[in-house]
């Protein structure tokens, strides 16, 4: 089988948000997106003291794409203008389809504000094709025990399956566009071989540890994103030491991307309309 080729490795660049440690691997100086994966922020890891101000992501709008938030450590409260509310703990995820428009807040719950604690979060933006950009807003919040943890490679690899299928097991999130999404925990010496990737773009980000990819000699360390070729059917990942990865793949959309802050559309006119609609209160009820 034909392996995907490694094009480039992109370091996450530091871009703190207030006192929230933040590193961003995409977009990067040499990488606008991995279509349809638009944006990835890695917040933390850090420890908040008691009586802290928590996360700074109060009510704000989105249109035209999906946000996927991975809570690696800590607690995250979600509330949105479509009436969804949840508090998700370590190992859980939040998958929100902004679609035609939604206002949401992702903040620290009262327990975390009072007592503090460890925090590490990834947030990924996944584009929607023009035919789905005005979809009905939706939200799924899952705790760790609601996500299948598949033991592979003799127990050296655990694939946490969020969306898509793996050897007959389906992830709990039904992606509108057939996105495969997972986190992968690997013990040193573990090997994961992935197939079915022809003409699909791969998102591979090293959260912790060091890995090898395919036949390439150089190891890839934490806070680096791996850019692979679109052609190729397979990729092999080897853990040089204990590692945690974000791994997803999807069919590229191949449409123009016009973004303005929290809106991602295909034309400038659609962006202007999004701003107008938000200002007119058409994204649902206010969160206060």
Foldseek 3Di string as FASTA:
>chain_A
DFAWAFDDKFFFDWDDDVPWTKTWRPPDPVHQALFQWGTKIKTDQDWDAFQDPWDDFAKDKAFFWKKKKAWQAAWKWKAKQVGDTDIEGHQKMKIKQQALMMIMGITHDPVCNGGITTTIMMMIIGGDAQVGRNPDIDMDIDYNVQWDWDQDDPNQKTKGWQAADDPHDGHPDDDPFRKTWTKMKGAAFGKDKDFQQAQKWKWKAWQAAWKDKDPDDDIDGHRMIIGIDSHTTMMMIHGNHTTMMIIMIGHGNPAAWDDDVNYTHRDPVVVVVSVVCVVVVVNHDDPD
